[in-house]
Amino acid sequence: MKKNKIYDCVTFFDNNLMFELRYNILIEYVDYFVVCESKYDHRGKPKKINFNFKNEYDQKKVKHFVLEKPFPKDANIWQNQAIQREFLLKCTDFADPNDYIFFSDPDEIPKPELFVNFQLKKKYGIFMQKCFNYKFNLFNRYESPWEGTRVCKKKNLKSIDFMRQKVKSKNLKYSFFRFDKEKDIEIFYEAGWHFNNILSPKEISIKLKTFAHSEFSSEIYSSIEVISEKIKKKIDLFGRNHRYEVINIDNTYPKFFLQNIEKYKKFIISSDA
């Protein structure tokens, strides 16, 4: 029986550190990494192509696609994000109908062991992931489990943006008569990691000024000094009174991460900090 291939798909802005980590964690389990980068940020401003195609990456497995066209002038930030996601879906046209299309934000990494003999029993799947902020071991209990990576067979996937925005675990709580809610969903627990804002204060500032949540682009959120202070205090960027917890790095982390922990020590916080 033919094996269903696994396509690990992300949109990309500039975080090569996170993609390199994702690649090395998933390389033995994924058939293709599909990376979609635009020449414009979601506000429509031109940007350079940032993806670093490293020599050690398997050239046959990593597919880097560039969205060349500017976003429509009358489109808003969320529409631009959707356009990039749908372009990414087109970039998987070489997949077979029964292949699995996984879509993650770049900082969401699925647990690789779940890919072994993977079978999706419903139309869609949601991977529930542990959430960390600023540092690899600064645990965010408020947003854990994080509804991160989504999956669907190629033949059933009409829109990545729909899968991301409308396929949610809360849909399963609605009554049978809510036909407007997608409920053909399988939930995968303990299914990976959301390493959110594992970036320098400067990089977080740039992200806030360019990503879809424009309400957080002002200096009260995006100032490098403000961000640095919040990281120091281990608190949420957005004033939600979330205080994060330093945890020990243990064998629940990805094997590659544990074997190469020195490489990531800049983003590991000591337990007595």
C-alpha atoms as a PDB file:
ATOM      1  CA  MET A   1       0.000   0.000   0.000  1.00  0.00           C
ATOM      2  CA  LYS A   2       1.324   3.411  -0.978  1.00  0.00           C
ATOM      3  CA  LYS A   3       2.463   5.588   1.920  1.00  0.00           C
ATOM      4  CA  ASN A   4       0.750   8.937   2.322  1.00  0.00           C
ATOM      5  CA  LYS A   5       3.448  11.593   2.192  1.00  0.00           C
ATOM      6  CA  ILE A   6       3.758  14.329   4.812  1.00  0.00           C
ATOM      7  CA  TYR A   7       4.102  17.962   3.733  1.00  0.00           C
ATOM      8  CA  ASP A   8       5.198  20.347   6.484  1.00  0.00           C
ATOM      9  CA  CYS A   9       4.112  23.811   5.333  1.00  0.00           C
ATOM     10  CA  VAL A  10       4.878  27.260   6.765  1.00  0.00           C
ATOM     11  CA  THR A  11       4.750  30.868   5.713  1.00  0.00           C
ATOM     12  CA  PHE A  12       8.057  32.589   6.363  1.00  0.00           C
ATOM     13  CA  PHE A  13       9.148  36.100   7.297  1.00  0.00           C
ATOM     14  CA  ASP A  14      12.699  36.053   8.673  1.00  0.00           C
ATOM     15  CA  ASN A  15      13.208  33.522  11.490  1.00  0.00           C
ATOM     16  CA  ASN A  16      15.899  31.205  10.110  1.00  0.00           C
ATOM     17  CA  LEU A  17      16.834  29.983  13.600  1.00  0.00           C
ATOM     18  CA  MET A  18      13.361  28.534  14.073  1.00  0.00           C
ATOM     19  CA  PHE A  19      13.224  26.959  10.638  1.00  0.00           C
ATOM     20  CA  GLU A  20      16.620  25.331  11.151  1.00  0.00           C
ATOM     21  CA  LEU A  21      15.363  23.875  14.449  1.00  0.00           C
ATOM     22  CA  ARG A  22      12.126  22.692  12.812  1.00  0.00           C
ATOM     23  CA  TYR A  23      14.041  21.108   9.930  1.00  0.00           C
ATOM     24  CA  ASN A  24      16.349  19.142  12.191  1.00  0.00           C
ATOM     25  CA  ILE A  25      13.550  17.982  14.479  1.00  0.00           C
ATOM     26  CA  LEU A  26      11.329  16.798  11.625  1.00  0.00           C
ATOM     27  CA  ILE A  27      13.745  15.777   8.855  1.00  0.00           C
ATOM     28  CA  GLU A  28      13.441  12.022   9.472  1.00  0.00           C
ATOM     29  CA  TYR A  29       9.643  12.174   9.441  1.00  0.00           C
ATOM     30  CA  VAL A  30       8.695  14.708   6.758  1.00  0.00           C
ATOM     31  CA  ASP A  31       8.721  14.093   3.015  1.00  0.00           C
ATOM     32  CA  TYR A  32       8.668  17.769   2.016  1.00  0.00           C
ATOM     33  CA  PHE A  33       9.118  21.097   3.772  1.00  0.00           C
ATOM     34  CA  VAL A  34       7.156  23.746   1.868  1.00  0.00           C
ATOM     35  CA  VAL A  35       8.209  27.297   2.735  1.00  0.00           C
ATOM     36  CA  CYS A  36       6.327  30.270   1.310  1.00  0.00           C
ATOM     37  CA  GLU A  37       7.864  33.735   1.560  1.00  0.00           C
ATOM     38  CA  SER A  38       6.515  36.986   0.148  1.00  0.00           C
ATOM     39  CA  LYS A  39       8.455  39.952  -1.216  1.00  0.00           C
ATOM     40  CA  TYR A  40       6.077  42.103   0.837  1.00  0.00           C
ATOM     41  CA  ASP A  41       5.101  42.119   4.493  1.00  0.00           C
ATOM     42  CA  HIS A  42       1.436  41.897   5.447  1.00  0.00           C
ATOM     43  CA  ARG A  43       1.200  45.679   5.462  1.00  0.00           C
ATOM     44  CA  GLY A  44       2.207  45.697   1.821  1.00  0.00           C
ATOM     45  CA  LYS A  45       5.700  47.084   2.347  1.00  0.00           C
ATOM     46  CA  PRO A  46       8.528  45.594   0.243  1.00  0.00           C
ATOM     47  CA  LYS A  47      10.918  43.273   2.074  1.00  0.00           C
ATOM     48  CA  LYS A  48      13.966  41.313   1.063  1.00  0.00           C
ATOM     49  CA  ILE A  49      13.936  37.548   0.764  1.00  0.00           C
ATOM     50  CA  ASN A  50      15.246  36.303   4.107  1.00  0.00           C
ATOM     51  CA  PHE A  51      15.120  32.519   3.866  1.00  0.00           C
ATOM     52  CA  ASN A  52      18.589  31.039   4.229  1.00  0.00           C
ATOM     53  CA  PHE A  53      18.783  27.835   2.191  1.00  0.00           C
ATOM     54  CA  LYS A  54      21.612  26.169   4.083  1.00  0.00           C
ATOM     55  CA  ASN A  55      23.938  23.698   2.409  1.00  0.00           C
ATOM     56  CA  GLU A  56      23.016  20.990   4.903  1.00  0.00           C
ATOM     57  CA  TYR A  57      19.332  21.162   3.936  1.00  0.00           C
ATOM     58  CA  ASP A  58      18.145  18.362   1.677  1.00  0.00           C
ATOM     59  CA  GLN A  59      17.596  20.138  -1.640  1.00  0.00           C
ATOM     60  CA  LYS A  60      14.970  17.588  -2.682  1.00  0.00           C
ATOM     61  CA  LYS A  61      12.959  17.946   0.512  1.00  0.00           C
ATOM     62  CA  VAL A  62      12.968  21.724   1.084  1.00  0.00           C
ATOM     63  CA  LYS A  63      10.812  23.658  -1.370  1.00  0.00           C
ATOM     64  CA  HIS A  64      11.108  27.440  -1.046  1.00  0.00           C
ATOM     65  CA  PHE A  65       8.476  29.384  -2.971  1.00  0.00           C
ATOM     66  CA  VAL A  66       8.386  33.167  -3.345  1.00  0.00           C
ATOM     67  CA  LEU A  67       5.198  35.187  -3.747  1.00  0.00           C
ATOM     68  CA  GLU A  68       6.420  37.839  -6.171  1.00  0.00           C
ATOM     69  CA  LYS A  69       3.284  39.938  -6.646  1.00  0.00           C
ATOM     70  CA  PRO A  70       2.450  42.870  -4.360  1.00  0.00           C
ATOM     71  CA  PHE A  71      -0.665  42.454  -2.277  1.00  0.00           C
ATOM     72  CA  PRO A  72      -3.768  44.287  -3.603  1.00  0.00           C
ATOM     73  CA  LYS A  73      -3.830  47.940  -2.586  1.00  0.00           C
ATOM     74  CA  ASP A  74      -7.361  47.661  -1.235  1.00  0.00           C
ATOM     75  CA  ALA A  75      -6.633  44.544   0.865  1.00  0.00           C
ATOM     76  CA  ASN A  76      -6.226  44.726   4.629  1.00  0.00           C
ATOM     77  CA  ILE A  77      -3.553  42.995   6.710  1.00  0.00           C
ATOM     78  CA  TRP A  78      -5.650  39.883   7.378  1.00  0.00           C
ATOM     79  CA  GLN A  79      -6.547  39.552   3.707  1.00  0.00           C
ATOM     80  CA  ASN A  80      -2.862  39.771   2.802  1.00  0.00           C
ATOM     81  CA  GLN A  81      -2.080  37.024   5.288  1.00  0.00           C
ATOM     82  CA  ALA A  82      -4.808  34.878   3.712  1.00  0.00           C
ATOM     83  CA  ILE A  83      -3.439  35.538   0.206  1.00  0.00           C
ATOM     84  CA  GLN A  84      -0.012  34.269   1.249  1.00  0.00           C
ATOM     85  CA  ARG A  85      -1.541  31.166   2.822  1.00  0.00           C
ATOM     86  CA  GLU A  86      -3.575  30.352  -0.283  1.00  0.00           C
ATOM     87  CA  PHE A  87      -0.496  30.818  -2.465  1.00  0.00           C
ATOM     88  CA  LEU A  88       1.205  28.308  -0.182  1.00  0.00           C
ATOM     89  CA  LEU A  89      -1.638  25.851  -0.845  1.00  0.00           C
ATOM     90  CA  LYS A  90      -1.059  26.225  -4.600  1.00  0.00           C
ATOM     91  CA  CYS A  91       2.596  25.403  -3.969  1.00  0.00           C
ATOM     92  CA  THR A  92       1.518  21.922  -2.812  1.00  0.00           C
ATOM     93  CA  ASP A  93      -0.057  21.048  -6.166  1.00  0.00           C
ATOM     94  CA  PHE A  94       2.577  18.352  -6.649  1.00  0.00           C
ATOM     95  CA  ALA A  95       1.115  16.429  -3.690  1.00  0.00           C
ATOM     96  CA  ASP A  96      -1.086  13.389  -4.250  1.00  0.00           C
ATOM     97  CA  PRO A  97      -4.761  13.567  -3.144  1.00  0.00           C
ATOM     98  CA  ASN A  98      -4.207  11.391  -0.055  1.00  0.00           C
ATOM     99  CA  ASP A  99      -1.024  13.103   1.094  1.00  0.00           C
ATOM    100  CA  TYR A 100      -1.180  15.040   4.354  1.00  0.00           C
ATOM    101  CA  ILE A 101      -0.800  18.816   4.299  1.00  0.00           C
ATOM    102  CA  PHE A 102       0.317  20.108   7.691  1.00  0.00           C
ATOM    103  CA  PHE A 103       0.218  23.872   8.171  1.00  0.00           C
ATOM    104  CA  SER A 104       1.935  25.612  11.074  1.00  0.00           C
ATOM    105  CA  ASP A 105       2.919  29.109  11.947  1.00  0.00           C
ATOM    106  CA  PRO A 106       6.735  29.127  11.735  1.00  0.00           C
ATOM    107  CA  ASP A 107       7.174  28.870  15.515  1.00  0.00           C
ATOM    108  CA  GLU A 108       4.848  25.868  15.935  1.00  0.00           C
ATOM    109  CA  ILE A 109       6.687  22.548  15.719  1.00  0.00           C
ATOM    110  CA  PRO A 110       4.696  19.297  15.693  1.00  0.00           C
ATOM    111  CA  LYS A 111       5.865  16.391  17.819  1.00  0.00           C
ATOM    112  CA  PRO A 112       7.691  14.236  15.262  1.00  0.00           C
ATOM    113  CA  GLU A 113       6.774  10.879  16.788  1.00  0.00           C
ATOM    114  CA  LEU A 114       3.136  11.539  15.863  1.00  0.00           C
ATOM    115  CA  PHE A 115       4.117  11.427  12.196  1.00  0.00           C
ATOM    116  CA  VAL A 116       5.047   7.749  12.431  1.00  0.00           C
ATOM    117  CA  ASN A 117       2.309   5.801  10.611  1.00  0.00           C
ATOM    118  CA  PHE A 118       0.161   8.934  10.845  1.00  0.00           C
ATOM    119  CA  GLN A 119      -3.546   8.423  10.183  1.00  0.00           C
ATOM    120  CA  LEU A 120      -6.167  11.178  10.267  1.00  0.00           C
ATOM    121  CA  LYS A 121      -9.589   9.800  11.215  1.00  0.00           C
ATOM    122  CA  LYS A 122     -11.492  13.031  10.612  1.00  0.00           C
ATOM    123  CA  LYS A 123     -11.362  15.651   7.862  1.00  0.00           C
ATOM    124  CA  TYR A 124      -9.144  18.003   9.887  1.00  0.00           C
ATOM    125  CA  GLY A 125      -6.700  17.618  12.750  1.00  0.00           C
ATOM    126  CA  ILE A 126      -5.485  20.083  15.369  1.00  0.00           C
ATOM    127  CA  PHE A 127      -2.205  19.634  17.230  1.00  0.00           C
ATOM    128  CA  MET A 128      -2.391  20.893  20.818  1.00  0.00           C
ATOM    129  CA  GLN A 129       1.046  22.206  21.781  1.00  0.00           C
ATOM    130  CA  LYS A 130       2.910  23.503  24.813  1.00  0.00           C
ATOM    131  CA  CYS A 131       3.420  27.253  24.621  1.00  0.00           C
ATOM    132  CA  PHE A 132       6.676  29.021  25.509  1.00  0.00           C
ATOM    133  CA  ASN A 133       7.506  32.723  25.282  1.00  0.00           C
ATOM    134  CA  TYR A 134      10.849  34.510  24.765  1.00  0.00           C
ATOM    135  CA  LYS A 135      12.909  31.524  25.937  1.00  0.00           C
ATOM    136  CA  PHE A 136      12.722  27.817  25.164  1.00  0.00           C
ATOM    137  CA  ASN A 137      12.001  27.060  28.819  1.00  0.00           C
ATOM    138  CA  LEU A 138       9.793  30.014  29.773  1.00  0.00           C
ATOM    139  CA  PHE A 139       6.448  28.254  29.973  1.00  0.00           C
ATOM    140  CA  ASN A 140       3.197  30.053  29.169  1.00  0.00           C
ATOM    141  CA  ARG A 141       0.509  28.160  31.096  1.00  0.00           C
ATOM    142  CA  TYR A 142      -2.153  30.700  30.085  1.00  0.00           C
ATOM    143  CA  GLU A 143      -2.022  29.701  26.426  1.00  0.00           C
ATOM    144  CA  SER A 144      -1.192  26.025  26.852  1.00  0.00           C
ATOM    145  CA  PRO A 145      -2.301  23.872  25.240  1.00  0.00           C
ATOM    146  CA  TRP A 146      -1.908  26.033  22.158  1.00  0.00           C
ATOM    147  CA  GLU A 147      -4.043  25.165  19.116  1.00  0.00           C
ATOM    148  CA  GLY A 148      -1.246  25.191  16.627  1.00  0.00           C
ATOM    149  CA  THR A 149      -0.469  22.940  13.678  1.00  0.00           C
ATOM    150  CA  ARG A 150      -3.443  21.909  11.510  1.00  0.00           C
ATOM    151  CA  VAL A 151      -3.610  18.976   9.106  1.00  0.00           C
ATOM    152  CA  CYS A 152      -5.861  17.842   6.282  1.00  0.00           C
ATOM    153  CA  LYS A 153      -5.548  15.511   3.304  1.00  0.00           C
ATOM    154  CA  LYS A 154      -4.725  17.340   0.099  1.00  0.00           C
ATOM    155  CA  LYS A 155      -7.952  16.233  -1.583  1.00  0.00           C
ATOM    156  CA  ASN A 156     -10.059  17.766   1.218  1.00  0.00           C
ATOM    157  CA  LEU A 157      -8.120  20.989   1.672  1.00  0.00           C
ATOM    158  CA  LYS A 158      -9.720  23.930  -0.137  1.00  0.00           C
ATOM    159  CA  SER A 159      -8.261  26.770   1.934  1.00  0.00           C
ATOM    160  CA  ILE A 160      -5.350  26.953   4.377  1.00  0.00           C
ATOM    161  CA  ASP A 161      -6.702  30.202   5.794  1.00  0.00           C
ATOM    162  CA  PHE A 162     -10.049  28.527   6.516  1.00  0.00           C
ATOM    163  CA  MET A 163      -8.281  25.582   8.154  1.00  0.00           C
ATOM    164  CA  ARG A 164      -6.301  27.956  10.336  1.00  0.00           C
ATOM    165  CA  GLN A 165      -9.018  30.456  11.207  1.00  0.00           C
ATOM    166  CA  LYS A 166     -12.182  28.333  11.329  1.00  0.00           C
ATOM    167  CA  VAL A 167     -11.061  24.838  12.344  1.00  0.00           C
ATOM    168  CA  LYS A 168     -10.995  25.177  16.130  1.00  0.00           C
ATOM    169  CA  SER A 169     -11.507  22.813  19.050  1.00  0.00           C
ATOM    170  CA  LYS A 170     -14.363  24.915  20.430  1.00  0.00           C
ATOM    171  CA  ASN A 171     -16.405  23.977  17.351  1.00  0.00           C
ATOM    172  CA  LEU A 172     -16.876  20.522  18.894  1.00  0.00           C
ATOM    173  CA  LYS A 173     -18.899  22.086  21.713  1.00  0.00           C
ATOM    174  CA  TYR A 174     -21.536  23.571  19.410  1.00  0.00           C
ATOM    175  CA  SER A 175     -24.833  21.766  18.892  1.00  0.00           C
ATOM    176  CA  PHE A 176     -25.463  19.468  15.953  1.00  0.00           C
ATOM    177  CA  PHE A 177     -27.615  22.168  14.365  1.00  0.00           C
ATOM    178  CA  ARG A 178     -24.752  24.659  14.051  1.00  0.00           C
ATOM    179  CA  PHE A 179     -24.006  23.664  10.474  1.00  0.00           C
ATOM    180  CA  ASP A 180     -21.906  26.802  10.052  1.00  0.00           C
ATOM    181  CA  LYS A 181     -19.247  25.326  12.364  1.00  0.00           C
ATOM    182  CA  GLU A 182     -16.758  22.761  11.059  1.00  0.00           C
ATOM    183  CA  LYS A 183     -16.888  19.808  13.449  1.00  0.00           C
ATOM    184  CA  ASP A 184     -15.166  17.029  11.512  1.00  0.00           C
ATOM    185  CA  ILE A 185     -12.049  17.497  13.651  1.00  0.00           C
ATOM    186  CA  GLU A 186      -9.617  15.161  15.395  1.00  0.00           C
ATOM    187  CA  ILE A 187      -7.646  16.540  18.350  1.00  0.00           C
ATOM    188  CA  PHE A 188      -4.052  15.436  18.966  1.00  0.00           C
ATOM    189  CA  TYR A 189      -2.847  16.125  22.514  1.00  0.00           C
ATOM    190  CA  GLU A 190       0.735  16.625  23.733  1.00  0.00           C
ATOM    191  CA  ALA A 191       1.453  17.267  20.076  1.00  0.00           C
ATOM    192  CA  GLY A 192       4.422  19.611  19.968  1.00  0.00           C
ATOM    193  CA  TRP A 193       5.678  23.042  20.905  1.00  0.00           C
ATOM    194  CA  HIS A 194       4.808  26.645  20.214  1.00  0.00           C
ATOM    195  CA  PHE A 195       8.102  28.507  20.679  1.00  0.00           C
ATOM    196  CA  ASN A 196       6.660  32.010  20.532  1.00  0.00           C
ATOM    197  CA  ASN A 197       8.898  35.067  20.163  1.00  0.00           C
ATOM    198  CA  ILE A 198      12.175  33.196  20.637  1.00  0.00           C
ATOM    199  CA  LEU A 199      13.804  36.338  19.297  1.00  0.00           C
ATOM    200  CA  SER A 200      15.871  39.306  20.381  1.00  0.00           C
ATOM    201  CA  PRO A 201      13.956  42.405  21.563  1.00  0.00           C
ATOM    202  CA  LYS A 202      14.849  44.101  18.273  1.00  0.00           C
ATOM    203  CA  GLU A 203      13.488  41.185  16.254  1.00  0.00           C
ATOM    204  CA  ILE A 204      10.284  41.087  18.314  1.00  0.00           C
ATOM    205  CA  SER A 205       9.880  44.821  17.701  1.00  0.00           C
ATOM    206  CA  ILE A 206      10.157  44.329  13.935  1.00  0.00           C
ATOM    207  CA  LYS A 207       7.661  41.461  14.105  1.00  0.00           C
ATOM    208  CA  LEU A 208       5.101  43.563  15.985  1.00  0.00           C
ATOM    209  CA  LYS A 209       5.425  46.348  13.435  1.00  0.00           C
ATOM    210  CA  THR A 210       4.837  44.045  10.480  1.00  0.00           C
ATOM    211  CA  PHE A 211       2.538  41.188  11.482  1.00  0.00           C
ATOM    212  CA  ALA A 212      -1.225  41.025  11.145  1.00  0.00           C
ATOM    213  CA  HIS A 213      -2.183  42.269  14.638  1.00  0.00           C
ATOM    214  CA  SER A 214      -1.728  45.954  13.815  1.00  0.00           C
ATOM    215  CA  GLU A 215      -3.161  46.953  17.206  1.00  0.00           C
ATOM    216  CA  PHE A 216       0.201  45.986  18.739  1.00  0.00           C
ATOM    217  CA  SER A 217       2.422  47.994  16.392  1.00  0.00           C
ATOM    218  CA  SER A 218       2.455  51.176  18.474  1.00  0.00           C
ATOM    219  CA  GLU A 219       5.475  52.071  20.618  1.00  0.00           C
ATOM    220  CA  ILE A 220       3.699  51.137  23.853  1.00  0.00           C
ATOM    221  CA  TYR A 221       4.037  47.519  22.703  1.00  0.00           C
ATOM    222  CA  SER A 222       6.765  47.494  20.057  1.00  0.00           C
ATOM    223  CA  SER A 223       9.455  49.687  21.634  1.00  0.00           C
ATOM    224  CA  ILE A 224      12.677  47.686  22.095  1.00  0.00           C
ATOM    225  CA  GLU A 225      13.042  49.076  25.620  1.00  0.00           C
ATOM    226  CA  VAL A 226       9.490  48.053  26.578  1.00  0.00           C
ATOM    227  CA  ILE A 227       9.993  44.572  25.148  1.00  0.00           C
ATOM    228  CA  SER A 228      13.339  44.135  26.932  1.00  0.00           C
ATOM    229  CA  GLU A 229      11.754  45.057  30.251  1.00  0.00           C
ATOM    230  CA  LYS A 230       8.880  42.618  29.772  1.00  0.00           C
ATOM    231  CA  ILE A 231      11.257  39.795  28.914  1.00  0.00           C
ATOM    232  CA  LYS A 232      13.265  40.609  32.051  1.00  0.00           C
ATOM    233  CA  LYS A 233      10.091  40.510  34.155  1.00  0.00           C
ATOM    234  CA  LYS A 234       8.860  37.349  32.356  1.00  0.00           C
ATOM    235  CA  ILE A 235       5.499  38.952  31.573  1.00  0.00           C
ATOM    236  CA  ASP A 236       3.195  39.112  28.598  1.00  0.00           C
ATOM    237  CA  LEU A 237       3.804  41.636  25.802  1.00  0.00           C
ATOM    238  CA  PHE A 238       0.192  42.716  25.594  1.00  0.00           C
ATOM    239  CA  GLY A 239      -0.771  43.698  29.134  1.00  0.00           C
ATOM    240  CA  ARG A 240      -2.840  40.601  29.928  1.00  0.00           C
ATOM    241  CA  ASN A 241      -1.232  40.047  33.344  1.00  0.00           C
ATOM    242  CA  HIS A 242       0.341  36.775  32.230  1.00  0.00           C
ATOM    243  CA  ARG A 243       3.487  35.875  34.146  1.00  0.00           C
ATOM    244  CA  TYR A 244       5.586  33.080  32.684  1.00  0.00           C
ATOM    245  CA  GLU A 245       7.271  30.241  34.559  1.00  0.00           C
ATOM    246  CA  VAL A 246      10.853  29.034  34.193  1.00  0.00           C
ATOM    247  CA  ILE A 247      10.863  25.247  33.850  1.00  0.00           C
ATOM    248  CA  ASN A 248      13.597  22.656  33.646  1.00  0.00           C
ATOM    249  CA  ILE A 249      14.537  21.314  30.256  1.00  0.00           C
ATOM    250  CA  ASP A 250      13.789  17.588  30.279  1.00  0.00           C
ATOM    251  CA  ASN A 251      13.119  14.688  27.949  1.00  0.00           C
ATOM    252  CA  THR A 252       9.757  16.117  26.858  1.00  0.00           C
ATOM    253  CA  TYR A 253      11.736  18.456  24.577  1.00  0.00           C
ATOM    254  CA  PRO A 254      12.683  17.406  21.035  1.00  0.00           C
ATOM    255  CA  LYS A 255      15.591  14.990  20.822  1.00  0.00           C
ATOM    256  CA  PHE A 256      17.564  17.213  18.433  1.00  0.00           C
ATOM    257  CA  PHE A 257      17.151  20.199  20.748  1.00  0.00           C
ATOM    258  CA  LEU A 258      18.494  18.234  23.719  1.00  0.00           C
ATOM    259  CA  GLN A 259      21.452  16.956  21.720  1.00  0.00           C
ATOM    260  CA  ASN A 260      22.349  20.481  20.539  1.00  0.00           C
ATOM    261  CA  ILE A 261      21.374  22.496  23.579  1.00  0.00           C
ATOM    262  CA  GLU A 262      24.578  24.558  23.588  1.00  0.00           C
ATOM    263  CA  LYS A 263      23.577  26.032  20.258  1.00  0.00           C
ATOM    264  CA  TYR A 264      20.399  27.451  21.794  1.00  0.00           C
ATOM    265  CA  LYS A 265      21.696  28.570  25.202  1.00  0.00           C
ATOM    266  CA  LYS A 266      21.163  32.248  24.286  1.00  0.00           C
ATOM    267  CA  PHE A 267      17.444  31.514  24.515  1.00  0.00           C
ATOM    268  CA  ILE A 268      17.491  29.355  27.626  1.00  0.00           C
ATOM    269  CA  ILE A 269      16.908  30.949  31.006  1.00  0.00           C
ATOM    270  CA  SER A 270      18.397  29.582  34.218  1.00  0.00           C
ATOM    271  CA  SER A 271      16.047  28.323  36.925  1.00  0.00           C
ATOM    272  CA  ASP A 272      17.294  30.910  39.417  1.00  0.00           C
ATOM    273  CA  ALA A 273      16.773  33.895  37.099  1.00  0.00           C
END
